[in-house]
Amino acid sequence: MSSFFDKIKKFLNPIDEPDMEQNTAKVETPEKPVAEPVEKPKKDDLEPTKEQSEPEQVTATEPEEKSGVEVPEKDTPEQPPSTTETPSEQKQQSAEPKTDEVSAPQIRAEVIKNVTLLLKPLLGKDDFKGIAFYVTQHNYALTLDKEFEKLLRIQFDDMGFKSLGNGKIEVFERPSSADAHSVYRDIIFAEIVTKESNIHHAPRKARITIFRGKGSLKQEEYILDTAVDNKKVYCIGRGEISTKGGVFRDNDIVINEADPNPAIADLNNYVSSSHANIEVHDGGFYLKAMQGGIANGNATKYIRDGKVFKLETDSMSYPLKDGDLIELGRKVLLKFEILM
């Protein structure tokens, strides 16, 4: 009986329950610390990653877009300068007058070569006054400048023509005379002038006045009459006398240097005391710029039929026609008229 009751006591004995609780507690305690660290970092990590991922996406996309745009833009401008530099350099090198894709040095060389051929039959004779060039096109006339004159005189000296080396070299922008020979494409003609030659025919009479109040003269008008005054050169400048460059010069056509009107005086002040000349030869009047009329951008100009022509060198003279305007110092305008 005791054994039966003992069994019943063991079955109903509450001492076994705490043992079960302890066992379950032992099982649950390791599960809780494992679950808690796994869930908490997930919540903490999600919030900062959203904030960090947004700026990272913005900063990452901006350089990618910029780099994608800037690379072609940098590559494209680097190529055009290489292509545009070569023609600009060629323009600087060929800044001298150029016609029909022939440079000024080439034209000068061709003219000098043909002049040499023209002089070969005259070797041993040295009785010349100079040489006259006649040019039918303006751009070609500009190539026969001081550089051309220097090279030509050297050639004369090398050939033994001292009279030509020291003689007068004239350039006329007009049709050639009957005695001239073509030295460049029937555009430039040359005539050797001997002491017996007479290219200075009787000149005509002309008048110089101010055009439409653009400046003022010392007197109302100037009459150029070589039959009376026997002049071959009429000097134009501001003031009656010039000593520019240490050279004394008595001006025949005087721009007023003391005009009482301040506005007119301002126009006159742009004119040099040694600005230009009007030469008389070959039956006509020719305009020639002096150093004062080409320095500091004050190129002497003549205006014909609305077209403006610059005189950028003092080694050439240009034929004047009735009604031409002469511009001095960018401000003063003279009117040229043929009287007879």
C-alpha atoms as a PDB file:
ATOM      1  CA  MET A   1       0.000   0.000   0.000  1.00  0.00           C
ATOM      2  CA  SER A   2       2.756   2.302   0.799  1.00  0.00           C
ATOM      3  CA  SER A   3       4.215   1.822  -2.569  1.00  0.00           C
ATOM      4  CA  PHE A   4       0.932   2.703  -4.203  1.00  0.00           C
ATOM      5  CA  PHE A   5       0.614   5.869  -2.225  1.00  0.00           C
ATOM      6  CA  ASP A   6       4.220   6.646  -2.838  1.00  0.00           C
ATOM      7  CA  LYS A   7       3.621   6.527  -6.547  1.00  0.00           C
ATOM      8  CA  ILE A   8       0.614   8.797  -6.175  1.00  0.00           C
ATOM      9  CA  LYS A   9       2.723  11.264  -4.167  1.00  0.00           C
ATOM     10  CA  LYS A  10       5.428  11.240  -6.750  1.00  0.00           C
ATOM     11  CA  PHE A  11       2.895  11.885  -9.489  1.00  0.00           C
ATOM     12  CA  LEU A  12       1.311  14.752  -7.652  1.00  0.00           C
ATOM     13  CA  ASN A  13       4.454  16.048  -6.019  1.00  0.00           C
ATOM     14  CA  PRO A  14       4.795  19.842  -6.809  1.00  0.00           C
ATOM     15  CA  ILE A  15       8.576  19.722  -6.374  1.00  0.00           C
ATOM     16  CA  ASP A  16       8.963  18.646 -10.012  1.00  0.00           C
ATOM     17  CA  GLU A  17       7.330  21.848 -11.394  1.00  0.00           C
ATOM     18  CA  PRO A  18      10.138  24.261 -10.448  1.00  0.00           C
ATOM     19  CA  ASP A  19      12.547  21.899 -12.115  1.00  0.00           C
ATOM     20  CA  MET A  20      10.550  22.219 -15.334  1.00  0.00           C
ATOM     21  CA  GLU A  21      10.435  25.987 -15.015  1.00  0.00           C
ATOM     22  CA  GLN A  22      14.147  26.077 -14.534  1.00  0.00           C
ATOM     23  CA  ASN A  23      14.611  23.958 -17.597  1.00  0.00           C
ATOM     24  CA  THR A  24      12.311  26.138 -19.665  1.00  0.00           C
ATOM     25  CA  ALA A  25      14.020  29.243 -18.387  1.00  0.00           C
ATOM     26  CA  LYS A  26      17.310  27.831 -19.434  1.00  0.00           C
ATOM     27  CA  VAL A  27      15.938  27.282 -22.922  1.00  0.00           C
ATOM     28  CA  GLU A  28      14.236  30.733 -23.218  1.00  0.00           C
ATOM     29  CA  THR A  29      17.139  32.832 -21.901  1.00  0.00           C
ATOM     30  CA  PRO A  30      19.511  31.962 -24.744  1.00  0.00           C
ATOM     31  CA  GLU A  31      16.730  32.586 -27.316  1.00  0.00           C
ATOM     32  CA  LYS A  32      15.959  36.133 -26.058  1.00  0.00           C
ATOM     33  CA  PRO A  33      19.500  37.561 -26.265  1.00  0.00           C
ATOM     34  CA  VAL A  34      19.848  36.091 -29.743  1.00  0.00           C
ATOM     35  CA  ALA A  35      16.567  37.606 -30.972  1.00  0.00           C
ATOM     36  CA  GLU A  36      17.047  41.063 -29.367  1.00  0.00           C
ATOM     37  CA  PRO A  37      20.423  42.005 -30.999  1.00  0.00           C
ATOM     38  CA  VAL A  38      19.156  40.849 -34.383  1.00  0.00           C
ATOM     39  CA  GLU A  39      15.953  42.988 -34.375  1.00  0.00           C
ATOM     40  CA  LYS A  40      17.374  46.208 -32.880  1.00  0.00           C
ATOM     41  CA  PRO A  41      20.196  46.804 -35.400  1.00  0.00           C
ATOM     42  CA  LYS A  42      17.767  46.304 -38.271  1.00  0.00           C
ATOM     43  CA  LYS A  43      15.655  49.274 -37.129  1.00  0.00           C
ATOM     44  CA  ASP A  44      18.660  51.415 -36.348  1.00  0.00           C
ATOM     45  CA  ASP A  45      20.372  50.630 -39.614  1.00  0.00           C
ATOM     46  CA  LEU A  46      17.382  51.325 -41.829  1.00  0.00           C
ATOM     47  CA  GLU A  47      16.950  54.985 -40.793  1.00  0.00           C
ATOM     48  CA  PRO A  48      20.569  56.157 -41.240  1.00  0.00           C
ATOM     49  CA  THR A  49      21.008  54.247 -44.462  1.00  0.00           C
ATOM     50  CA  LYS A  50      18.058  56.107 -45.993  1.00  0.00           C
ATOM     51  CA  GLU A  51      19.523  59.464 -45.010  1.00  0.00           C
ATOM     52  CA  GLN A  52      22.968  58.529 -46.207  1.00  0.00           C
ATOM     53  CA  SER A  53      21.815  56.904 -49.410  1.00  0.00           C
ATOM     54  CA  GLU A  54      19.947  60.049 -50.545  1.00  0.00           C
ATOM     55  CA  PRO A  55      22.986  62.417 -50.540  1.00  0.00           C
ATOM     56  CA  GLU A  56      25.136  59.671 -51.951  1.00  0.00           C
ATOM     57  CA  GLN A  57      22.799  59.285 -54.897  1.00  0.00           C
ATOM     58  CA  VAL A  58      22.750  63.047 -55.518  1.00  0.00           C
ATOM     59  CA  THR A  59      26.509  63.492 -55.301  1.00  0.00           C
ATOM     60  CA  ALA A  60      27.110  60.424 -57.392  1.00  0.00           C
ATOM     61  CA  THR A  61      24.782  61.447 -60.217  1.00  0.00           C
ATOM     62  CA  GLU A  62      26.020  65.090 -60.453  1.00  0.00           C
ATOM     63  CA  PRO A  63      29.652  64.333 -61.278  1.00  0.00           C
ATOM     64  CA  GLU A  64      28.558  61.599 -63.656  1.00  0.00           C
ATOM     65  CA  GLU A  65      26.337  64.047 -65.575  1.00  0.00           C
ATOM     66  CA  LYS A  66      28.989  66.794 -65.559  1.00  0.00           C
ATOM     67  CA  SER A  67      31.722  64.468 -66.630  1.00  0.00           C
ATOM     68  CA  GLY A  68      29.549  63.134 -69.402  1.00  0.00           C
ATOM     69  CA  VAL A  69      28.873  66.667 -70.720  1.00  0.00           C
ATOM     70  CA  GLU A  70      32.270  68.267 -70.179  1.00  0.00           C
ATOM     71  CA  VAL A  71      34.319  65.609 -71.892  1.00  0.00           C
ATOM     72  CA  PRO A  72      32.854  66.146 -75.396  1.00  0.00           C
ATOM     73  CA  GLU A  73      32.814  69.941 -74.883  1.00  0.00           C
ATOM     74  CA  LYS A  74      36.512  69.983 -74.031  1.00  0.00           C
ATOM     75  CA  ASP A  75      37.373  67.706 -76.902  1.00  0.00           C
ATOM     76  CA  THR A  76      35.475  69.682 -79.547  1.00  0.00           C
ATOM     77  CA  PRO A  77      37.028  73.134 -78.876  1.00  0.00           C
ATOM     78  CA  GLU A  78      40.521  71.666 -78.773  1.00  0.00           C
ATOM     79  CA  GLN A  79      40.251  70.600 -82.429  1.00  0.00           C
ATOM     80  CA  PRO A  80      38.867  73.821 -84.066  1.00  0.00           C
ATOM     81  CA  PRO A  81      41.732  76.027 -82.814  1.00  0.00           C
ATOM     82  CA  SER A  82      44.193  73.689 -84.521  1.00  0.00           C
ATOM     83  CA  THR A  83      42.307  74.106 -87.785  1.00  0.00           C
ATOM     84  CA  THR A  84      41.699  77.849 -87.470  1.00  0.00           C
ATOM     85  CA  GLU A  85      45.214  78.736 -86.378  1.00  0.00           C
ATOM     86  CA  THR A  86      46.824  77.779 -89.640  1.00  0.00           C
ATOM     87  CA  PRO A  87      44.805  80.208 -91.821  1.00  0.00           C
ATOM     88  CA  SER A  88      45.228  83.001 -89.253  1.00  0.00           C
ATOM     89  CA  GLU A  89      48.959  82.460 -89.291  1.00  0.00           C
ATOM     90  CA  GLN A  90      48.898  82.463 -93.061  1.00  0.00           C
ATOM     91  CA  LYS A  91      46.982  85.756 -93.021  1.00  0.00           C
ATOM     92  CA  GLN A  92      49.549  87.300 -90.703  1.00  0.00           C
ATOM     93  CA  GLN A  93      52.347  86.114 -92.919  1.00  0.00           C
ATOM     94  CA  SER A  94      50.548  87.399 -96.010  1.00  0.00           C
ATOM     95  CA  ALA A  95      49.393  90.666 -94.430  1.00  0.00           C
ATOM     96  CA  GLU A  96      50.911  92.443 -97.416  1.00  0.00           C
ATOM     97  CA  PRO A  97      48.670  93.092-100.435  1.00  0.00           C
ATOM     98  CA  LYS A  98      47.723  89.824-102.113  1.00  0.00           C
ATOM     99  CA  THR A  99      45.967  89.362-105.442  1.00  0.00           C
ATOM    100  CA  ASP A 100      44.979  86.257-107.357  1.00  0.00           C
ATOM    101  CA  GLU A 101      46.559  84.163-104.571  1.00  0.00           C
ATOM    102  CA  VAL A 102      49.970  85.673-105.361  1.00  0.00           C
ATOM    103  CA  SER A 103      51.788  87.315-102.451  1.00  0.00           C
ATOM    104  CA  ALA A 104      53.423  90.733-102.559  1.00  0.00           C
ATOM    105  CA  PRO A 105      56.978  89.269-102.359  1.00  0.00           C
ATOM    106  CA  GLN A 106      56.235  87.080-105.393  1.00  0.00           C
ATOM    107  CA  ILE A 107      54.938  90.064-107.370  1.00  0.00           C
ATOM    108  CA  ARG A 108      57.997  92.145-106.424  1.00  0.00           C
ATOM    109  CA  ALA A 109      60.377  89.348-107.407  1.00  0.00           C
ATOM    110  CA  GLU A 110      58.663  88.865-110.787  1.00  0.00           C
ATOM    111  CA  VAL A 111      58.727  92.606-111.541  1.00  0.00           C
ATOM    112  CA  ILE A 112      62.416  92.926-110.635  1.00  0.00           C
ATOM    113  CA  LYS A 113      63.253  89.871-112.752  1.00  0.00           C
ATOM    114  CA  ASN A 114      61.524  91.350-115.813  1.00  0.00           C
ATOM    115  CA  VAL A 115      63.060  94.786-115.250  1.00  0.00           C
ATOM    116  CA  THR A 116      66.464  93.092-115.210  1.00  0.00           C
ATOM    117  CA  LEU A 117      65.704  91.490-118.588  1.00  0.00           C
ATOM    118  CA  LEU A 118      64.590  94.896-119.849  1.00  0.00           C
ATOM    119  CA  LEU A 119      67.912  96.469-118.824  1.00  0.00           C
ATOM    120  CA  LYS A 120      70.277  93.777-120.165  1.00  0.00           C
ATOM    121  CA  PRO A 121      70.423  95.254-123.692  1.00  0.00           C
ATOM    122  CA  LEU A 122      71.372  98.610-122.095  1.00  0.00           C
ATOM    123  CA  LEU A 123      74.448  97.328-120.207  1.00  0.00           C
ATOM    124  CA  GLY A 124      77.353  99.715-120.599  1.00  0.00           C
ATOM    125  CA  LYS A 125      75.055 102.708-120.840  1.00  0.00           C
ATOM    126  CA  ASP A 126      74.477 104.680-117.669  1.00  0.00           C
ATOM    127  CA  ASP A 127      72.625 107.841-118.587  1.00  0.00           C
ATOM    128  CA  PHE A 128      69.233 107.506-116.921  1.00  0.00           C
ATOM    129  CA  LYS A 129      66.988 109.724-114.819  1.00  0.00           C
ATOM    130  CA  GLY A 130      65.017 106.908-113.266  1.00  0.00           C
ATOM    131  CA  ILE A 131      62.258 104.414-113.896  1.00  0.00           C
ATOM    132  CA  ALA A 132      58.480 104.861-114.015  1.00  0.00           C
ATOM    133  CA  PHE A 133      55.957 102.117-113.236  1.00  0.00           C
ATOM    134  CA  TYR A 134      52.365 102.205-114.457  1.00  0.00           C
ATOM    135  CA  VAL A 135      49.870  99.979-112.645  1.00  0.00           C
ATOM    136  CA  THR A 136      46.295  99.398-113.800  1.00  0.00           C
ATOM    137  CA  GLN A 137      44.966  97.766-110.605  1.00  0.00           C
ATOM    138  CA  HIS A 138      45.056  99.287-107.133  1.00  0.00           C
ATOM    139  CA  ASN A 139      46.012  96.147-105.168  1.00  0.00           C
ATOM    140  CA  TYR A 140      49.032  95.551-107.393  1.00  0.00           C
ATOM    141  CA  ALA A 141      50.132  99.169-107.004  1.00  0.00           C
ATOM    142  CA  LEU A 142      50.313  98.665-103.231  1.00  0.00           C
ATOM    143  CA  THR A 143      52.982  95.968-103.681  1.00  0.00           C
ATOM    144  CA  LEU A 144      55.418  98.475-105.204  1.00  0.00           C
ATOM    145  CA  ASP A 145      56.238 100.020-101.849  1.00  0.00           C
ATOM    146  CA  LYS A 146      59.432 100.980-100.006  1.00  0.00           C
ATOM    147  CA  GLU A 147      60.531  97.365 -99.731  1.00  0.00           C
ATOM    148  CA  PHE A 148      60.202  97.002-103.499  1.00  0.00           C
ATOM    149  CA  GLU A 149      62.136 100.240-104.090  1.00  0.00           C
ATOM    150  CA  LYS A 150      64.932  99.061-101.790  1.00  0.00           C
ATOM    151  CA  LEU A 151      65.270  95.709-103.573  1.00  0.00           C
ATOM    152  CA  LEU A 152      65.145  97.375-106.979  1.00  0.00           C
ATOM    153  CA  ARG A 153      67.924  99.854-106.149  1.00  0.00           C
ATOM    154  CA  ILE A 154      70.102  96.976-104.942  1.00  0.00           C
ATOM    155  CA  GLN A 155      69.514  95.237-108.269  1.00  0.00           C
ATOM    156  CA  PHE A 156      70.459  98.409-110.186  1.00  0.00           C
ATOM    157  CA  ASP A 157      73.707  98.709-108.233  1.00  0.00           C
ATOM    158  CA  ASP A 158      74.562  95.033-108.807  1.00  0.00           C
ATOM    159  CA  MET A 159      74.102  95.523-112.561  1.00  0.00           C
ATOM    160  CA  GLY A 160      76.262  98.650-112.597  1.00  0.00           C
ATOM    161  CA  PHE A 161      73.481 101.166-113.249  1.00  0.00           C
ATOM    162  CA  LYS A 162      74.488 103.821-110.718  1.00  0.00           C
ATOM    163  CA  SER A 163      72.290 106.465-112.308  1.00  0.00           C
ATOM    164  CA  LEU A 164      69.238 104.235-111.818  1.00  0.00           C
ATOM    165  CA  GLY A 165      70.345 103.246-108.326  1.00  0.00           C
ATOM    166  CA  ASN A 166      70.356 106.920-107.377  1.00  0.00           C
ATOM    167  CA  GLY A 167      67.584 107.935-109.781  1.00  0.00           C
ATOM    168  CA  LYS A 168      63.888 108.535-109.280  1.00  0.00           C
ATOM    169  CA  ILE A 169      61.502 105.595-108.938  1.00  0.00           C
ATOM    170  CA  GLU A 170      57.905 106.606-109.593  1.00  0.00           C
ATOM    171  CA  VAL A 171      54.691 104.567-109.424  1.00  0.00           C
ATOM    172  CA  PHE A 172      51.592 105.754-111.275  1.00  0.00           C
ATOM    173  CA  GLU A 173      48.218 104.098-110.899  1.00  0.00           C
ATOM    174  CA  ARG A 174      46.968 104.601-114.455  1.00  0.00           C
ATOM    175  CA  PRO A 175      47.306 103.104-117.958  1.00  0.00           C
ATOM    176  CA  SER A 176      50.859 102.863-119.243  1.00  0.00           C
ATOM    177  CA  SER A 177      52.547 105.200-121.662  1.00  0.00           C
ATOM    178  CA  ALA A 178      53.382 104.139-125.218  1.00  0.00           C
ATOM    179  CA  ASP A 179      57.042 103.565-124.321  1.00  0.00           C
ATOM    180  CA  ALA A 180      56.389 101.313-121.297  1.00  0.00           C
ATOM    181  CA  HIS A 181      56.919  97.536-121.282  1.00  0.00           C
ATOM    182  CA  SER A 182      54.875  94.960-119.420  1.00  0.00           C
ATOM    183  CA  VAL A 183      56.760  93.518-116.441  1.00  0.00           C
ATOM    184  CA  TYR A 184      53.881  91.670-114.764  1.00  0.00           C
ATOM    185  CA  ARG A 185      50.808  90.127-116.451  1.00  0.00           C
ATOM    186  CA  ASP A 186      49.915  93.235-118.450  1.00  0.00           C
ATOM    187  CA  ILE A 187      49.044  94.877-115.139  1.00  0.00           C
ATOM    188  CA  ILE A 188      52.382  96.470-114.205  1.00  0.00           C
ATOM    189  CA  PHE A 189      54.409  98.305-116.865  1.00  0.00           C
ATOM    190  CA  ALA A 190      57.874  99.863-116.621  1.00  0.00           C
ATOM    191  CA  GLU A 191      59.504 102.693-118.561  1.00  0.00           C
ATOM    192  CA  ILE A 192      63.196 103.519-118.306  1.00  0.00           C
ATOM    193  CA  VAL A 193      63.468 107.320-118.301  1.00  0.00           C
ATOM    194  CA  THR A 194      66.583 108.758-119.909  1.00  0.00           C
ATOM    195  CA  LYS A 195      67.800 112.327-119.574  1.00  0.00           C
ATOM    196  CA  GLU A 196      66.502 112.971-123.063  1.00  0.00           C
ATOM    197  CA  SER A 197      63.037 111.698-122.166  1.00  0.00           C
ATOM    198  CA  ASN A 198      60.307 114.167-121.397  1.00  0.00           C
ATOM    199  CA  ILE A 199      57.417 112.669-119.453  1.00  0.00           C
ATOM    200  CA  HIS A 200      56.583 115.985-117.789  1.00  0.00           C
ATOM    201  CA  HIS A 201      54.011 117.536-120.062  1.00  0.00           C
ATOM    202  CA  ALA A 202      52.223 120.855-119.537  1.00  0.00           C
ATOM    203  CA  PRO A 203      50.189 120.591-116.289  1.00  0.00           C
ATOM    204  CA  ARG A 204      46.656 121.757-115.814  1.00  0.00           C
ATOM    205  CA  LYS A 205      45.114 124.223-113.397  1.00  0.00           C
ATOM    206  CA  ALA A 206      43.284 123.069-110.254  1.00  0.00           C
ATOM    207  CA  ARG A 207      41.598 124.388-107.112  1.00  0.00           C
ATOM    208  CA  ILE A 208      41.554 123.181-103.488  1.00  0.00           C
ATOM    209  CA  THR A 209      38.705 124.087-101.083  1.00  0.00           C
ATOM    210  CA  ILE A 210      37.212 122.750 -97.836  1.00  0.00           C
ATOM    211  CA  PHE A 211      34.363 120.278 -98.370  1.00  0.00           C
ATOM    212  CA  ARG A 212      31.186 121.013 -96.366  1.00  0.00           C
ATOM    213  CA  GLY A 213      32.864 122.630 -93.391  1.00  0.00           C
ATOM    214  CA  LYS A 214      35.072 119.632 -92.597  1.00  0.00           C
ATOM    215  CA  GLY A 215      38.013 121.672 -91.317  1.00  0.00           C
ATOM    216  CA  SER A 216      39.344 125.042 -92.461  1.00  0.00           C
ATOM    217  CA  LEU A 217      42.088 126.478 -94.664  1.00  0.00           C
ATOM    218  CA  LYS A 218      44.261 129.491 -93.980  1.00  0.00           C
ATOM    219  CA  GLN A 219      42.593 131.129 -96.991  1.00  0.00           C
ATOM    220  CA  GLU A 220      39.280 130.409 -98.682  1.00  0.00           C
ATOM    221  CA  GLU A 221      40.774 128.529-101.635  1.00  0.00           C
ATOM    222  CA  TYR A 222      44.114 127.592-103.178  1.00  0.00           C
ATOM    223  CA  ILE A 223      44.705 127.711-106.935  1.00  0.00           C
ATOM    224  CA  LEU A 224      47.324 125.317-108.318  1.00  0.00           C
ATOM    225  CA  ASP A 225      48.580 126.991-111.493  1.00  0.00           C
ATOM    226  CA  THR A 226      52.046 125.785-112.467  1.00  0.00           C
ATOM    227  CA  ALA A 227      52.068 127.997-115.543  1.00  0.00           C
ATOM    228  CA  VAL A 228      52.267 130.941-113.120  1.00  0.00           C
ATOM    229  CA  ASP A 229      54.176 129.658-110.075  1.00  0.00           C
ATOM    230  CA  ASN A 230      56.239 127.021-111.929  1.00  0.00           C
ATOM    231  CA  LYS A 231      55.768 124.455-109.150  1.00  0.00           C
ATOM    232  CA  LYS A 232      55.966 120.694-109.473  1.00  0.00           C
ATOM    233  CA  VAL A 233      55.066 119.940-105.834  1.00  0.00           C
ATOM    234  CA  TYR A 234      52.423 121.555-103.597  1.00  0.00           C
ATOM    235  CA  CYS A 235      52.885 120.737 -99.917  1.00  0.00           C
ATOM    236  CA  ILE A 236      49.842 120.248 -97.661  1.00  0.00           C
ATOM    237  CA  GLY A 237      50.064 120.570 -93.872  1.00  0.00           C
ATOM    238  CA  ARG A 238      48.800 122.241 -90.706  1.00  0.00           C
ATOM    239  CA  GLY A 239      50.500 125.605 -90.358  1.00  0.00           C
ATOM    240  CA  GLU A 240      52.576 127.511 -92.862  1.00  0.00           C
ATOM    241  CA  ILE A 241      55.935 125.995 -91.904  1.00  0.00           C
ATOM    242  CA  SER A 242      56.946 122.524 -90.752  1.00  0.00           C
ATOM    243  CA  THR A 243      60.231 121.320 -89.281  1.00  0.00           C
ATOM    244  CA  LYS A 244      58.989 117.773 -88.697  1.00  0.00           C
ATOM    245  CA  GLY A 245      61.854 115.294 -88.615  1.00  0.00           C
ATOM    246  CA  GLY A 246      64.369 118.122 -88.798  1.00  0.00           C
ATOM    247  CA  VAL A 247      63.347 118.952 -92.378  1.00  0.00           C
ATOM    248  CA  PHE A 248      62.216 122.474 -93.205  1.00  0.00           C
ATOM    249  CA  ARG A 249      59.014 122.547 -95.245  1.00  0.00           C
ATOM    250  CA  ASP A 250      57.023 125.497 -96.546  1.00  0.00           C
ATOM    251  CA  ASN A 251      53.393 124.460 -96.960  1.00  0.00           C
ATOM    252  CA  ASP A 252      51.541 125.697-100.040  1.00  0.00           C
ATOM    253  CA  ILE A 253      48.093 124.497 -98.952  1.00  0.00           C
ATOM    254  CA  VAL A 254      47.778 125.482 -95.293  1.00  0.00           C
ATOM    255  CA  ILE A 255      45.342 123.887 -92.833  1.00  0.00           C
ATOM    256  CA  ASN A 256      44.475 126.564 -90.260  1.00  0.00           C
ATOM    257  CA  GLU A 257      46.292 125.820 -87.004  1.00  0.00           C
ATOM    258  CA  ALA A 258      44.509 128.594 -85.054  1.00  0.00           C
ATOM    259  CA  ASP A 259      40.854 128.462 -86.083  1.00  0.00           C
ATOM    260  CA  PRO A 260      38.661 130.511 -83.689  1.00  0.00           C
ATOM    261  CA  ASN A 261      35.901 127.873 -83.813  1.00  0.00           C
ATOM    262  CA  PRO A 262      36.811 125.181 -81.219  1.00  0.00           C
ATOM    263  CA  ALA A 263      34.977 122.449 -83.151  1.00  0.00           C
ATOM    264  CA  ILE A 264      36.781 123.263 -86.412  1.00  0.00           C
ATOM    265  CA  ALA A 265      40.092 123.662 -84.583  1.00  0.00           C
ATOM    266  CA  ASP A 266      39.636 120.163 -83.162  1.00  0.00           C
ATOM    267  CA  LEU A 267      39.233 118.755 -86.693  1.00  0.00           C
ATOM    268  CA  ASN A 268      42.330 120.582 -87.921  1.00  0.00           C
ATOM    269  CA  ASN A 269      44.477 119.310 -85.059  1.00  0.00           C
ATOM    270  CA  TYR A 270      44.416 115.783 -86.535  1.00  0.00           C
ATOM    271  CA  VAL A 271      46.395 117.005 -89.557  1.00  0.00           C
ATOM    272  CA  SER A 272      50.192 116.815 -89.421  1.00  0.00           C
ATOM    273  CA  SER A 273      52.370 119.790 -90.314  1.00  0.00           C
ATOM    274  CA  SER A 274      53.892 117.562 -93.022  1.00  0.00           C
ATOM    275  CA  HIS A 275      50.895 115.532 -94.151  1.00  0.00           C
ATOM    276  CA  ALA A 276      50.700 115.150 -97.954  1.00  0.00           C
ATOM    277  CA  ASN A 277      51.806 116.540-101.326  1.00  0.00           C
ATOM    278  CA  ILE A 278      50.135 117.188-104.650  1.00  0.00           C
ATOM    279  CA  GLU A 279      52.672 116.536-107.382  1.00  0.00           C
ATOM    280  CA  VAL A 280      52.470 117.808-110.950  1.00  0.00           C
ATOM    281  CA  HIS A 281      53.824 115.576-113.711  1.00  0.00           C
ATOM    282  CA  ASP A 282      52.861 113.617-116.777  1.00  0.00           C
ATOM    283  CA  GLY A 283      50.113 116.066-117.623  1.00  0.00           C
ATOM    284  CA  GLY A 284      48.217 115.750-114.345  1.00  0.00           C
ATOM    285  CA  PHE A 285      48.056 116.138-110.583  1.00  0.00           C
ATOM    286  CA  TYR A 286      48.994 113.271-108.239  1.00  0.00           C
ATOM    287  CA  LEU A 287      48.389 112.838-104.504  1.00  0.00           C
ATOM    288  CA  LYS A 288      51.225 111.524-102.376  1.00  0.00           C
ATOM    289  CA  ALA A 289      51.191 110.871 -98.621  1.00  0.00           C
ATOM    290  CA  MET A 290      54.071 112.017 -96.426  1.00  0.00           C
ATOM    291  CA  GLN A 291      55.229 110.392 -93.183  1.00  0.00           C
ATOM    292  CA  GLY A 292      52.959 112.631 -91.109  1.00  0.00           C
ATOM    293  CA  GLY A 293      50.035 111.468 -93.232  1.00  0.00           C
ATOM    294  CA  ILE A 294      50.485 107.757 -92.577  1.00  0.00           C
ATOM    295  CA  ALA A 295      51.758 107.690 -88.969  1.00  0.00           C
ATOM    296  CA  ASN A 296      49.531 106.872 -85.961  1.00  0.00           C
ATOM    297  CA  GLY A 297      46.746 105.491 -88.136  1.00  0.00           C
ATOM    298  CA  ASN A 298      46.196 108.844 -89.889  1.00  0.00           C
ATOM    299  CA  ALA A 299      46.307 107.350 -93.369  1.00  0.00           C
ATOM    300  CA  THR A 300      45.806 109.911 -96.115  1.00  0.00           C
ATOM    301  CA  LYS A 301      42.859 108.941 -98.316  1.00  0.00           C
ATOM    302  CA  TYR A 302      41.173 110.018-101.495  1.00  0.00           C
ATOM    303  CA  ILE A 303      37.482 109.426-102.129  1.00  0.00           C
ATOM    304  CA  ARG A 304      36.165 108.908-105.635  1.00  0.00           C
ATOM    305  CA  ASP A 305      32.578 107.992-106.553  1.00  0.00           C
ATOM    306  CA  GLY A 306      31.896 106.998-102.946  1.00  0.00           C
ATOM    307  CA  LYS A 307      34.884 104.639-102.764  1.00  0.00           C
ATOM    308  CA  VAL A 308      37.680 105.277-100.258  1.00  0.00           C
ATOM    309  CA  PHE A 309      41.316 104.579-101.151  1.00  0.00           C
ATOM    310  CA  LYS A 310      44.073 104.597 -98.505  1.00  0.00           C
ATOM    311  CA  LEU A 311      47.592 105.842 -99.141  1.00  0.00           C
ATOM    312  CA  GLU A 312      49.520 103.628 -96.745  1.00  0.00           C
ATOM    313  CA  THR A 313      52.998 104.376 -98.064  1.00  0.00           C
ATOM    314  CA  ASP A 314      54.899 107.501 -99.048  1.00  0.00           C
ATOM    315  CA  SER A 315      56.562 105.789-102.035  1.00  0.00           C
ATOM    316  CA  MET A 316      53.589 106.054-104.421  1.00  0.00           C
ATOM    317  CA  SER A 317      51.520 108.824-105.959  1.00  0.00           C
ATOM    318  CA  TYR A 318      47.921 108.531-107.130  1.00  0.00           C
ATOM    319  CA  PRO A 319      46.298 110.480-109.981  1.00  0.00           C
ATOM    320  CA  LEU A 320      43.642 112.969-108.911  1.00  0.00           C
ATOM    321  CA  LYS A 321      40.492 113.526-110.935  1.00  0.00           C
ATOM    322  CA  ASP A 322      38.019 116.352-110.968  1.00  0.00           C
ATOM    323  CA  GLY A 323      35.688 116.110-107.963  1.00  0.00           C
ATOM    324  CA  ASP A 324      37.922 113.861-105.837  1.00  0.00           C
ATOM    325  CA  LEU A 325      37.909 114.388-102.063  1.00  0.00           C
ATOM    326  CA  ILE A 326      41.125 114.264-100.042  1.00  0.00           C
ATOM    327  CA  GLU A 327      40.863 113.153 -96.417  1.00  0.00           C
ATOM    328  CA  LEU A 328      43.548 114.307 -93.979  1.00  0.00           C
ATOM    329  CA  GLY A 329      43.860 113.002 -90.431  1.00  0.00           C
ATOM    330  CA  ARG A 330      40.450 111.261 -90.484  1.00  0.00           C
ATOM    331  CA  LYS A 331      38.699 114.617 -89.983  1.00  0.00           C
ATOM    332  CA  VAL A 332      39.524 117.227 -92.635  1.00  0.00           C
ATOM    333  CA  LEU A 333      38.099 116.938 -96.160  1.00  0.00           C
ATOM    334  CA  LEU A 334      39.452 118.860 -99.149  1.00  0.00           C
ATOM    335  CA  LYS A 335      37.729 119.090-102.529  1.00  0.00           C
ATOM    336  CA  PHE A 336      39.901 118.884-105.651  1.00  0.00           C
ATOM    337  CA  GLU A 337      38.627 120.494-108.854  1.00  0.00           C
ATOM    338  CA  ILE A 338      40.197 120.706-112.328  1.00  0.00           C
ATOM    339  CA  LEU A 339      39.860 124.212-113.773  1.00  0.00           C
ATOM    340  CA  MET A 340      41.575 123.702-117.140  1.00  0.00           C
END
